[in-house]
C-alpha atoms as a PDB file:
ATOM      1  CA  MET A   1     239.108  36.538 286.502  1.00  0.00           C
ATOM      2  CA  HIS A   2     236.134  34.336 285.827  1.00  0.00           C
ATOM      3  CA  GLN A   3     236.787  31.741 283.134  1.00  0.00           C
ATOM      4  CA  PHE A   4     233.965  30.659 280.893  1.00  0.00           C
ATOM      5  CA  ASN A   5     233.664  26.889 280.507  1.00  0.00           C
ATOM      6  CA  PHE A   6     232.862  26.148 276.865  1.00  0.00           C
ATOM      7  CA  ILE A   7     232.204  22.436 277.331  1.00  0.00           C
ATOM      8  CA  PRO A   8     228.705  22.714 278.871  1.00  0.00           C
ATOM      9  CA  TYR A   9     227.867  25.453 276.363  1.00  0.00           C
ATOM     10  CA  ILE A  10     228.885  23.291 273.378  1.00  0.00           C
ATOM     11  CA  ALA A  11     227.091  20.268 274.800  1.00  0.00           C
ATOM     12  CA  HIS A  12     223.903  22.279 275.278  1.00  0.00           C
ATOM     13  CA  HIS A  13     224.192  23.718 271.746  1.00  0.00           C
ATOM     14  CA  LEU A  14     224.664  20.276 270.203  1.00  0.00           C
ATOM     15  CA  GLN A  15     221.777  18.864 272.198  1.00  0.00           C
ATOM     16  CA  SER A  16     219.515  21.686 270.998  1.00  0.00           C
ATOM     17  CA  LYS A  17     220.504  21.080 267.400  1.00  0.00           C
ATOM     18  CA  LEU A  18     219.962  17.360 267.765  1.00  0.00           C
ATOM     19  CA  SER A  19     216.539  17.929 269.323  1.00  0.00           C
ATOM     20  CA  GLU A  20     215.625  20.294 266.500  1.00  0.00           C
ATOM     21  CA  MET A  21     216.691  17.759 263.860  1.00  0.00           C
ATOM     22  CA  THR A  22     214.824  14.978 265.623  1.00  0.00           C
ATOM     23  CA  LEU A  23     211.672  17.116 265.780  1.00  0.00           C
ATOM     24  CA  VAL A  24     211.794  17.919 262.047  1.00  0.00           C
ATOM     25  CA  GLU A  25     212.415  14.253 261.220  1.00  0.00           C
ATOM     26  CA  ARG A  26     209.456  13.229 263.331  1.00  0.00           C
ATOM     27  CA  LEU A  27     207.162  15.915 261.935  1.00  0.00           C
ATOM     28  CA  LYS A  28     207.852  15.114 258.296  1.00  0.00           C
ATOM     29  CA  ASN A  29     206.817  11.504 258.885  1.00  0.00           C
ATOM     30  CA  ILE A  30     203.435  12.499 260.304  1.00  0.00           C
ATOM     31  CA  ARG A  31     200.857  12.413 257.518  1.00  0.00           C
ATOM     32  CA  VAL A  32     198.735  15.227 258.970  1.00  0.00           C
ATOM     33  CA  VAL A  33     201.755  17.549 259.129  1.00  0.00           C
ATOM     34  CA  ARG A  34     202.816  16.707 255.601  1.00  0.00           C
ATOM     35  CA  SER A  35     199.267  17.170 254.320  1.00  0.00           C
ATOM     36  CA  LEU A  36     199.209  20.626 255.912  1.00  0.00           C
ATOM     37  CA  VAL A  37     202.555  21.526 254.303  1.00  0.00           C
ATOM     38  CA  TYR A  38     201.287  20.278 250.934  1.00  0.00           C
ATOM     39  CA  GLY A  39     198.190  22.410 251.333  1.00  0.00           C
ATOM     40  CA  ILE A  40     200.173  25.577 252.105  1.00  0.00           C
ATOM     41  CA  VAL A  41     202.842  25.061 249.457  1.00  0.00           C
ATOM     42  CA  GLY A  42     200.336  23.786 246.901  1.00  0.00           C
ATOM     43  CA  ALA A  43     197.962  26.723 247.324  1.00  0.00           C
ATOM     44  CA  ALA A  44     200.852  29.203 247.112  1.00  0.00           C
ATOM     45  CA  SER A  45     202.303  27.655 243.941  1.00  0.00           C
ATOM     46  CA  TYR A  46     199.208  26.635 241.968  1.00  0.00           C
ATOM     47  CA  ARG A  47     198.618  29.945 240.169  1.00  0.00           C
ATOM     48  CA  GLY A  48     202.277  30.235 239.188  1.00  0.00           C
ATOM     49  CA  LEU A  49     202.131  26.839 237.499  1.00  0.00           C
ATOM     50  CA  THR A  50     198.734  27.009 235.802  1.00  0.00           C
ATOM     51  CA  MET A  51     197.652  30.638 235.466  1.00  0.00           C
ATOM     52  CA  PHE A  52     200.789  32.745 235.166  1.00  0.00           C
ATOM     53  CA  ASN A  53     202.441  30.012 233.089  1.00  0.00           C
ATOM     54  CA  LYS A  54     201.263  27.095 230.942  1.00  0.00           C
ATOM     55  CA  LEU A  55     201.803  23.590 232.320  1.00  0.00           C
ATOM     56  CA  ARG A  56     201.773  20.597 229.971  1.00  0.00           C
ATOM     57  CA  ILE A  57     201.868  17.143 231.578  1.00  0.00           C
ATOM     58  CA  GLU A  58     202.472  13.889 229.698  1.00  0.00           C
ATOM     59  CA  GLY A  59     202.703  10.240 230.663  1.00  0.00           C
ATOM     60  CA  THR A  60     200.705  10.086 233.912  1.00  0.00           C
ATOM     61  CA  GLU A  61     199.270   6.791 232.643  1.00  0.00           C
ATOM     62  CA  HIS A  62     202.634   5.298 233.663  1.00  0.00           C
ATOM     63  CA  LEU A  63     201.914   6.186 237.295  1.00  0.00           C
ATOM     64  CA  ARG A  64     198.566   4.447 237.671  1.00  0.00           C
ATOM     65  CA  ASP A  65     199.669   0.889 238.471  1.00  0.00           C
ATOM     66  CA  LEU A  66     202.848   1.617 240.387  1.00  0.00           C
ATOM     67  CA  PRO A  67     203.268  -0.090 243.775  1.00  0.00           C
ATOM     68  CA  ARG A  68     203.219   1.936 246.992  1.00  0.00           C
ATOM     69  CA  ASN A  69     206.937   1.450 247.636  1.00  0.00           C
ATOM     70  CA  ASN A  70     210.332   0.994 245.975  1.00  0.00           C
ATOM     71  CA  VAL A  71     209.609   3.421 243.144  1.00  0.00           C
ATOM     72  CA  LEU A  72     212.370   5.874 242.220  1.00  0.00           C
ATOM     73  CA  PHE A  73     211.689   8.904 240.021  1.00  0.00           C
ATOM     74  CA  VAL A  74     214.806  10.243 238.298  1.00  0.00           C
ATOM     75  CA  SER A  75     214.664  13.648 236.637  1.00  0.00           C
ATOM     76  CA  ASN A  76     216.700  16.475 235.226  1.00  0.00           C
ATOM     77  CA  HIS A  77     216.755  19.549 237.445  1.00  0.00           C
ATOM     78  CA  GLN A  78     216.110  23.234 236.659  1.00  0.00           C
ATOM     79  CA  THR A  79     215.183  24.986 239.928  1.00  0.00           C
ATOM     80  CA  TYR A  80     215.629  24.166 243.607  1.00  0.00           C
ATOM     81  CA  PHE A  81     211.945  23.898 244.500  1.00  0.00           C
ATOM     82  CA  ALA A  82     209.542  24.509 241.576  1.00  0.00           C
ATOM     83  CA  ASP A  83     210.368  21.148 239.950  1.00  0.00           C
ATOM     84  CA  VAL A  84     209.606  19.103 243.065  1.00  0.00           C
ATOM     85  CA  ILE A  85     206.513  21.140 243.948  1.00  0.00           C
ATOM     86  CA  THR A  86     205.122  20.462 240.468  1.00  0.00           C
ATOM     87  CA  PHE A  87     205.732  16.720 240.875  1.00  0.00           C
ATOM     88  CA  LEU A  88     203.811  16.784 244.152  1.00  0.00           C
ATOM     89  CA  HIS A  89     200.893  18.590 242.486  1.00  0.00           C
ATOM     90  CA  ILE A  90     200.834  15.953 239.742  1.00  0.00           C
ATOM     91  CA  PHE A  91     200.989  12.987 242.130  1.00  0.00           C
ATOM     92  CA  CYS A  92     198.111  14.448 244.131  1.00  0.00           C
ATOM     93  CA  ALA A  93     196.062  15.027 240.973  1.00  0.00           C
ATOM     94  CA  VAL A  94     196.714  11.457 239.782  1.00  0.00           C
ATOM     95  CA  LYS A  95     195.499  10.164 243.143  1.00  0.00           C
ATOM     96  CA  TRP A  96     192.188  11.912 242.337  1.00  0.00           C
ATOM     97  CA  ARG A  97     192.130  10.115 238.944  1.00  0.00           C
ATOM     98  CA  LYS A  98     193.129  13.101 236.845  1.00  0.00           C
ATOM     99  CA  GLU A  99     195.194  12.310 233.768  1.00  0.00           C
ATOM    100  CA  ASN A 100     197.817  14.674 232.365  1.00  0.00           C
ATOM    101  CA  ARG A 101     196.241  17.709 234.015  1.00  0.00           C
ATOM    102  CA  LEU A 102     195.834  19.369 237.379  1.00  0.00           C
ATOM    103  CA  GLY A 103     192.427  20.988 237.086  1.00  0.00           C
ATOM    104  CA  ILE A 104     190.924  22.607 240.184  1.00  0.00           C
ATOM    105  CA  PRO A 105     193.263  21.866 243.128  1.00  0.00           C
ATOM    106  CA  TYR A 106     190.710  20.265 245.441  1.00  0.00           C
ATOM    107  CA  TYR A 107     193.186  17.356 245.471  1.00  0.00           C
ATOM    108  CA  LEU A 108     195.105  19.338 248.109  1.00  0.00           C
ATOM    109  CA  LEU A 109     192.317  18.539 250.586  1.00  0.00           C
ATOM    110  CA  ASN A 110     193.495  14.916 250.610  1.00  0.00           C
ATOM    111  CA  PRO A 111     196.955  14.904 249.016  1.00  0.00           C
ATOM    112  CA  PHE A 112     199.183  11.999 248.064  1.00  0.00           C
ATOM    113  CA  THR A 113     201.896  12.091 250.720  1.00  0.00           C
ATOM    114  CA  ASN A 114     203.632   8.752 250.207  1.00  0.00           C
ATOM    115  CA  VAL A 115     206.535  10.394 248.391  1.00  0.00           C
ATOM    116  CA  TYR A 116     209.842  11.893 249.498  1.00  0.00           C
ATOM    117  CA  PHE A 117     212.451  13.895 247.611  1.00  0.00           C
ATOM    118  CA  VAL A 118     216.245  14.007 247.831  1.00  0.00           C
ATOM    119  CA  ALA A 119     217.658  17.505 248.414  1.00  0.00           C
ATOM    120  CA  ALA A 120     220.953  19.094 249.431  1.00  0.00           C
ATOM    121  CA  LYS A 121     221.086  19.752 253.164  1.00  0.00           C
ATOM    122  CA  GLU A 122     222.424  23.307 252.802  1.00  0.00           C
ATOM    123  CA  THR A 123     219.615  24.158 250.367  1.00  0.00           C
ATOM    124  CA  MET A 124     216.877  22.937 252.702  1.00  0.00           C
ATOM    125  CA  ASP A 125     218.374  24.766 255.692  1.00  0.00           C
ATOM    126  CA  GLY A 126     218.752  28.029 253.777  1.00  0.00           C
ATOM    127  CA  SER A 127     215.531  29.865 254.711  1.00  0.00           C
ATOM    128  CA  TRP A 128     212.308  29.529 256.681  1.00  0.00           C
ATOM    129  CA  VAL A 129     210.480  28.687 253.446  1.00  0.00           C
ATOM    130  CA  SER A 130     212.843  25.818 252.668  1.00  0.00           C
ATOM    131  CA  ARG A 131     212.608  24.598 256.270  1.00  0.00           C
ATOM    132  CA  LEU A 132     208.833  24.512 255.962  1.00  0.00           C
ATOM    133  CA  PHE A 133     209.054  22.626 252.669  1.00  0.00           C
ATOM    134  CA  LYS A 134     211.554  20.260 254.302  1.00  0.00           C
ATOM    135  CA  MET A 135     208.719  18.954 256.468  1.00  0.00           C
ATOM    136  CA  GLY A 136     206.917  17.994 253.258  1.00  0.00           C
ATOM    137  CA  GLY A 137     209.272  15.039 252.857  1.00  0.00           C
ATOM    138  CA  ALA A 138     212.852  16.139 252.166  1.00  0.00           C
ATOM    139  CA  LEU A 139     215.603  13.534 252.429  1.00  0.00           C
ATOM    140  CA  THR A 140     218.539  15.831 253.064  1.00  0.00           C
ATOM    141  CA  VAL A 141     221.982  14.692 251.939  1.00  0.00           C
ATOM    142  CA  LYS A 142     225.420  16.264 252.034  1.00  0.00           C
ATOM    143  CA  ARG A 143     226.870  17.016 248.632  1.00  0.00           C
ATOM    144  CA  THR A 144     230.168  15.259 247.979  1.00  0.00           C
ATOM    145  CA  TRP A 145     231.345  17.732 245.347  1.00  0.00           C
ATOM    146  CA  ARG A 146     230.160  21.153 246.519  1.00  0.00           C
ATOM    147  CA  ALA A 147     229.543  22.947 249.823  1.00  0.00           C
ATOM    148  CA  GLU A 148     228.827  26.598 250.659  1.00  0.00           C
ATOM    149  CA  GLY A 149     229.362  27.641 247.043  1.00  0.00           C
ATOM    150  CA  LYS A 150     232.792  26.013 246.758  1.00  0.00           C
ATOM    151  CA  ASP A 151     234.034  22.870 245.041  1.00  0.00           C
ATOM    152  CA  VAL A 152     234.936  20.144 247.519  1.00  0.00           C
ATOM    153  CA  HIS A 153     235.941  16.489 247.386  1.00  0.00           C
ATOM    154  CA  ARG A 154     234.631  14.267 250.128  1.00  0.00           C
ATOM    155  CA  GLU A 155     233.507  10.690 250.524  1.00  0.00           C
ATOM    156  CA  ARG A 156     229.884   9.698 250.111  1.00  0.00           C
ATOM    157  CA  ASP A 157     228.143   9.568 253.474  1.00  0.00           C
ATOM    158  CA  GLU A 158     226.787   6.049 253.912  1.00  0.00           C
ATOM    159  CA  SER A 159     224.133   7.296 256.327  1.00  0.00           C
ATOM    160  CA  ASP A 160     222.641   9.398 253.507  1.00  0.00           C
ATOM    161  CA  THR A 161     222.410   6.323 251.277  1.00  0.00           C
ATOM    162  CA  GLN A 162     220.880   4.277 254.087  1.00  0.00           C
ATOM    163  CA  LYS A 163     218.308   7.006 254.682  1.00  0.00           C
ATOM    164  CA  ILE A 164     217.188   6.801 251.045  1.00  0.00           C
ATOM    165  CA  ASP A 165     217.244   2.982 251.070  1.00  0.00           C
ATOM    166  CA  GLN A 166     214.993   2.887 254.143  1.00  0.00           C
ATOM    167  CA  THR A 167     212.566   5.400 252.643  1.00  0.00           C
ATOM    168  CA  LEU A 168     212.365   3.483 249.358  1.00  0.00           C
ATOM    169  CA  SER A 169     211.352   0.368 251.260  1.00  0.00           C
ATOM    170  CA  LYS A 170     208.050   2.053 252.183  1.00  0.00           C
ATOM    171  CA  SER A 171     207.524   4.970 249.756  1.00  0.00           C
ATOM    172  CA  TRP A 172     208.234   6.666 246.457  1.00  0.00           C
ATOM    173  CA  VAL A 173     211.387   8.777 246.167  1.00  0.00           C
ATOM    174  CA  ILE A 174     212.237  11.598 243.742  1.00  0.00           C
ATOM    175  CA  THR A 175     215.898  12.234 242.998  1.00  0.00           C
ATOM    176  CA  PHE A 176     217.883  14.415 240.609  1.00  0.00           C
ATOM    177  CA  PRO A 177     220.957  12.424 239.491  1.00  0.00           C
ATOM    178  CA  GLN A 178     222.894  15.531 238.451  1.00  0.00           C
ATOM    179  CA  GLY A 179     222.495  17.211 241.835  1.00  0.00           C
ATOM    180  CA  THR A 180     222.602  20.613 240.144  1.00  0.00           C
ATOM    181  CA  THR A 181     220.388  22.803 237.984  1.00  0.00           C
ATOM    182  CA  LYS A 182     223.124  23.102 235.348  1.00  0.00           C
ATOM    183  CA  PRO A 183     221.963  21.355 232.140  1.00  0.00           C
ATOM    184  CA  PHE A 184     223.965  18.357 230.924  1.00  0.00           C
ATOM    185  CA  ALA A 185     226.057  18.246 234.091  1.00  0.00           C
ATOM    186  CA  PRO A 186     227.410  14.738 234.745  1.00  0.00           C
ATOM    187  CA  GLY A 187     225.286  12.383 236.804  1.00  0.00           C
ATOM    188  CA  ARG A 188     226.365  11.359 240.302  1.00  0.00           C
ATOM    189  CA  LYS A 189     227.079   7.707 241.041  1.00  0.00           C
ATOM    190  CA  GLY A 190     225.027   7.839 244.238  1.00  0.00           C
ATOM    191  CA  THR A 191     221.835   7.425 242.209  1.00  0.00           C
ATOM    192  CA  ALA A 192     223.212   4.351 240.445  1.00  0.00           C
ATOM    193  CA  HIS A 193     224.270   2.851 243.786  1.00  0.00           C
ATOM    194  CA  ILE A 194     220.723   3.329 245.095  1.00  0.00           C
ATOM    195  CA  ILE A 195     219.303   1.621 242.005  1.00  0.00           C
ATOM    196  CA  LYS A 196     221.739  -1.273 242.189  1.00  0.00           C
ATOM    197  CA  ASN A 197     221.216  -1.808 245.934  1.00  0.00           C
ATOM    198  CA  ASN A 198     217.401  -1.556 245.999  1.00  0.00           C
ATOM    199  CA  GLN A 199     216.400  -2.685 242.504  1.00  0.00           C
ATOM    200  CA  PRO A 200     213.458  -0.238 242.413  1.00  0.00           C
ATOM    201  CA  ILE A 201     211.071   0.548 239.610  1.00  0.00           C
ATOM    202  CA  VAL A 202     212.799   3.536 237.994  1.00  0.00           C
ATOM    203  CA  VAL A 203     210.573   6.119 236.291  1.00  0.00           C
ATOM    204  CA  PRO A 204     212.441   8.726 234.200  1.00  0.00           C
ATOM    205  CA  VAL A 205     211.030  12.253 234.076  1.00  0.00           C
ATOM    206  CA  VAL A 206     212.019  15.012 231.656  1.00  0.00           C
ATOM    207  CA  ILE A 207     211.127  18.611 232.513  1.00  0.00           C
ATOM    208  CA  ASN A 208     211.606  21.870 230.684  1.00  0.00           C
ATOM    209  CA  GLY A 209     210.677  25.552 230.887  1.00  0.00           C
ATOM    210  CA  PHE A 210     211.145  25.915 234.652  1.00  0.00           C
ATOM    211  CA  TRP A 211     214.507  27.648 234.251  1.00  0.00           C
ATOM    212  CA  ARG A 212     212.826  30.230 232.037  1.00  0.00           C
ATOM    213  CA  ALA A 213     209.766  30.805 234.220  1.00  0.00           C
ATOM    214  CA  PHE A 214     211.324  30.881 237.703  1.00  0.00           C
ATOM    215  CA  ASN A 215     214.490  32.011 239.390  1.00  0.00           C
ATOM    216  CA  LYS A 216     217.000  29.388 240.493  1.00  0.00           C
ATOM    217  CA  LYS A 217     215.276  28.819 243.827  1.00  0.00           C
ATOM    218  CA  GLY A 218     211.962  28.474 242.019  1.00  0.00           C
ATOM    219  CA  LEU A 219     210.192  30.901 244.329  1.00  0.00           C
ATOM    220  CA  ALA A 220     210.068  34.043 242.159  1.00  0.00           C
ATOM    221  CA  PHE A 221     208.984  34.645 238.561  1.00  0.00           C
ATOM    222  CA  LYS A 222     211.463  35.423 235.805  1.00  0.00           C
ATOM    223  CA  LYS A 223     209.148  35.277 232.811  1.00  0.00           C
ATOM    224  CA  ARG A 224     205.388  34.829 232.907  1.00  0.00           C
ATOM    225  CA  GLY A 225     203.597  32.973 230.139  1.00  0.00           C
ATOM    226  CA  SER A 226     206.320  30.332 229.888  1.00  0.00           C
ATOM    227  CA  GLN A 227     205.577  26.809 228.680  1.00  0.00           C
ATOM    228  CA  LEU A 228     206.349  24.299 231.431  1.00  0.00           C
ATOM    229  CA  THR A 229     206.525  20.629 230.509  1.00  0.00           C
ATOM    230  CA  VAL A 230     206.698  17.507 232.671  1.00  0.00           C
ATOM    231  CA  ARG A 231     206.942  14.195 230.816  1.00  0.00           C
ATOM    232  CA  PHE A 232     206.837  10.870 232.635  1.00  0.00           C
ATOM    233  CA  LYS A 233     208.346   8.027 230.637  1.00  0.00           C
ATOM    234  CA  GLU A 234     207.731   4.297 230.936  1.00  0.00           C
ATOM    235  CA  PRO A 235     209.639   2.602 233.770  1.00  0.00           C
ATOM    236  CA  MET A 236     213.140   1.677 232.725  1.00  0.00           C
ATOM    237  CA  VAL A 237     214.244  -1.886 231.970  1.00  0.00           C
ATOM    238  CA  ILE A 238     217.446  -2.239 233.981  1.00  0.00           C
ATOM    239  CA  ASP A 239     219.876  -5.115 234.444  1.00  0.00           C
ATOM    240  CA  TYR A 240     220.730  -4.575 238.117  1.00  0.00           C
ATOM    241  CA  THR A 241     223.837  -6.738 237.803  1.00  0.00           C
ATOM    242  CA  LEU A 242     225.511  -4.159 235.551  1.00  0.00           C
ATOM    243  CA  PRO A 243     228.309  -1.970 236.923  1.00  0.00           C
ATOM    244  CA  VAL A 244     227.309   1.327 238.539  1.00  0.00           C
ATOM    245  CA  ASP A 245     228.790   3.370 235.667  1.00  0.00           C
ATOM    246  CA  GLU A 246     226.623   1.609 233.083  1.00  0.00           C
ATOM    247  CA  ILE A 247     223.457   1.991 235.147  1.00  0.00           C
ATOM    248  CA  LEU A 248     224.175   5.713 235.544  1.00  0.00           C
ATOM    249  CA  GLU A 249     224.745   6.010 231.794  1.00  0.00           C
ATOM    250  CA  GLN A 250     221.311   4.483 231.143  1.00  0.00           C
ATOM    251  CA  VAL A 251     219.686   6.872 233.614  1.00  0.00           C
ATOM    252  CA  MET A 252     221.292   9.935 232.038  1.00  0.00           C
ATOM    253  CA  GLU A 253     220.116   8.801 228.618  1.00  0.00           C
ATOM    254  CA  ALA A 254     216.585   8.259 229.945  1.00  0.00           C
ATOM    255  CA  ILE A 255     216.329  11.757 231.440  1.00  0.00           C
ATOM    256  CA  GLU A 256     217.822  13.184 228.220  1.00  0.00           C
ATOM    257  CA  GLN A 257     220.911  14.647 229.837  1.00  0.00           C
ATOM    258  CA  SER A 258     223.487  12.426 228.140  1.00  0.00           C
ATOM    259  CA  LYS A 259     226.090  13.541 225.607  1.00  0.00           C
ATOM    260  CA  ASN A 260     223.821  12.278 222.830  1.00  0.00           C
ATOM    261  CA  TYR A 261     221.102  14.733 223.817  1.00  0.00           C
ATOM    262  CA  MET A 262     223.578  17.534 224.424  1.00  0.00           C
ATOM    263  CA  MET A 263     224.697  17.246 220.790  1.00  0.00           C
ATOM    264  CA  LYS A 264     221.065  17.596 219.692  1.00  0.00           C
ATOM    265  CA  GLY A 265     220.502  20.765 221.714  1.00  0.00           C
ATOM    266  CA  LYS A 266     219.763  24.134 220.092  1.00  0.00           C
ATOM    267  CA  HIS A 267     222.849  25.682 221.652  1.00  0.00           C
ATOM    268  CA  HIS A 268     225.052  23.084 219.939  1.00  0.00           C
ATOM    269  CA  LEU A 269     223.390  23.760 216.561  1.00  0.00           C
ATOM    270  CA  MET A 270     223.979  27.498 217.011  1.00  0.00           C
ATOM    271  CA  ASN A 271     227.671  26.862 217.706  1.00  0.00           C
ATOM    272  CA  ILE A 272     227.961  24.873 214.483  1.00  0.00           C
ATOM    273  CA  MET A 273     226.220  27.627 212.521  1.00  0.00           C
ATOM    274  CA  ASP A 274     228.572  30.223 213.995  1.00  0.00           C
ATOM    275  CA  LYS A 275     231.534  28.266 212.626  1.00  0.00           C
END
């Protein structure tokens, strides 16, 4: 009986995967490729942000004088993709000297591509759409607390942190400290480690309305006519010598996802009234 040798098969499979990953990594660092992805994704999403819904932008004056590198945007999170796509629209519009508005999207002809975003690896590998968007500048990381819909407990992958550190040294980076779309979920220490290690300019962003307008993936409408808001705050004043826990606490307060803000929420007031 002929016996199948799995070793060459596995080696070939791993080599193919490695080649595929290397290709994607190379492509997403080519400006022309990223500009093309921005154009496709931007054109497909523009109407959903500005025509089918109402987008209000605040605080873009805080973006004008930022350096080209070592800038970290920290934000609350409401959908997998719509939040990030909106940020990219805004950065492109600001490059074309628009303030607190998008206007006609001719900015997609020459987009601002010096920005990357942190995303869960399993999310970005989930569909052909997410794989396309991945080439727009995704920094994929492995979640330490959840995988394939289940709770897990695993150590932080240092290579993921190094990947973000290296990107910060030359670009802007968007990250979502909670790592989930669940409101008021606790922040993850990885963000605080990045801040402490790189000492970047940290710009807090507060968003709202995306959960109401789009489904969780941010690719389909739930309710048209929703008010979407994106508010950029002034860069944070951070003592980088503080412990990681204290830095994370400051970040969560800045993006209005701390316990203080949770107590101010409408749902909390309704619970009190019910009692």
